Amino acid sequence: MVELISLLGLAAGACTTGSFVPQVIKSLKTKETKDLSFAMLVLVVIGIAMWLAYGIVTRDVPIMSANAVSLVLTVTMLGIKIRYG
């Protein structure tokens, strides 16, 4: 049962993390981020960093893995926003 719950967490993390990929790709290609809110990106980065810290403290692999990748993607988006926004 624990393995099934971990698989569910990994699948959920893959979906939510994967949702950032199309925006990162589009923003890198077009160098356009005017429709993305800077404040929203900052809050998302902070929230994901906190989830990652929580995952590390609780040693929850699905939370750690999903949020580590999400943090890289959202920091990338924030960097694109700062550079081209």
Protein backbone atom coordinates (compact mmCIF):
# COMPACT_ATOMS: atom_id res chain seq x y z
CA MET A 1 0.00 0.00 0.00
CA VAL A 2 2.87 2.40 0.81
CA GLU A 3 4.38 1.78 -2.64
CA LEU A 4 1.04 2.60 -4.29
CA ILE A 5 0.81 5.86 -2.34
CA SER A 6 4.38 6.75 -3.37
CA LEU A 7 3.53 6.01 -7.02
CA LEU A 8 0.48 8.24 -6.73
CA GLY A 9 2.66 11.01 -5.30
CA LEU A 10 5.26 10.59 -8.05
CA ALA A 11 2.55 10.65 -10.75
CA ALA A 12 0.96 13.77 -9.25
CA GLY A 13 4.36 15.43 -9.03
CA ALA A 14 5.14 14.55 -12.64
CA CYS A 15 1.90 16.15 -13.79
CA THR A 16 2.27 19.37 -11.80
CA THR A 17 5.98 19.67 -12.56
CA GLY A 18 5.43 18.89 -16.23
CA SER A 19 2.91 21.71 -16.45
CA PHE A 20 5.78 24.22 -16.28
CA VAL A 21 7.69 22.73 -19.21
CA PRO A 22 5.59 24.13 -22.09
CA GLN A 23 5.79 27.66 -20.67
CA VAL A 24 9.54 27.45 -20.16
CA ILE A 25 10.04 26.20 -23.73
CA LYS A 26 7.73 28.87 -25.18
CA SER A 27 9.40 31.65 -23.20
CA LEU A 28 12.89 30.51 -24.19
CA LYS A 29 11.89 30.37 -27.87
CA THR A 30 10.01 33.68 -28.01
CA LYS A 31 11.94 35.57 -25.31
CA GLU A 32 8.53 36.94 -24.34
CA THR A 33 7.17 36.99 -20.78
CA LYS A 34 5.01 40.11 -20.63
CA ASP A 35 1.90 38.09 -19.75
CA LEU A 36 3.58 36.41 -16.78
CA SER A 37 3.26 38.16 -13.44
CA PHE A 38 6.59 38.75 -11.71
CA ALA A 39 4.90 38.62 -8.29
CA MET A 40 3.25 35.29 -9.13
CA LEU A 41 6.56 33.79 -10.21
CA VAL A 42 8.27 34.96 -7.02
CA LEU A 43 5.50 33.51 -4.86
CA VAL A 44 5.56 30.21 -6.74
CA VAL A 45 9.35 29.97 -6.35
CA ILE A 46 9.04 30.63 -2.60
CA GLY A 47 6.22 28.11 -2.22
CA ILE A 48 8.04 25.41 -4.17
CA ALA A 49 11.23 26.02 -2.19
CA MET A 50 9.25 25.58 1.01
CA TRP A 51 7.66 22.34 -0.29
CA LEU A 52 11.13 21.10 -1.21
CA ALA A 53 12.37 21.89 2.31
CA TYR A 54 9.35 20.06 3.74
CA GLY A 55 10.08 17.05 1.54
CA ILE A 56 13.69 17.01 2.65
CA VAL A 57 12.80 17.24 6.34
CA THR A 58 10.17 14.50 6.06
CA ARG A 59 12.29 12.45 3.64
CA ASP A 60 9.34 12.23 1.25
CA VAL A 61 10.81 11.22 -2.11
CA PRO A 62 7.82 12.21 -4.29
CA ILE A 63 7.67 15.67 -2.71
CA MET A 64 11.44 16.14 -2.89
CA SER A 65 11.78 15.02 -6.50
CA ALA A 66 8.78 16.91 -7.89
CA ASN A 67 9.63 20.12 -6.11
CA ALA A 68 13.34 19.98 -6.93
CA VAL A 69 12.53 19.84 -10.65
CA SER A 70 9.71 22.39 -10.29
CA LEU A 71 12.07 24.77 -8.52
CA VAL A 72 14.58 24.58 -11.36
CA LEU A 73 11.82 25.23 -13.91
CA THR A 74 10.25 28.14 -12.02
CA VAL A 75 13.59 29.77 -11.25
CA THR A 76 14.33 29.44 -14.97
CA MET A 77 11.03 31.20 -15.75
CA LEU A 78 11.83 33.91 -13.23
CA GLY A 79 15.25 34.37 -14.82
CA ILE A 80 13.68 34.64 -18.27
CA LYS A 81 11.18 37.17 -16.91
CA ILE A 82 13.99 39.25 -15.39
CA ARG A 83 16.14 39.08 -18.51
CA TYR A 84 13.48 39.61 -21.20
CA GLY A 85 10.53 41.02 -19.24
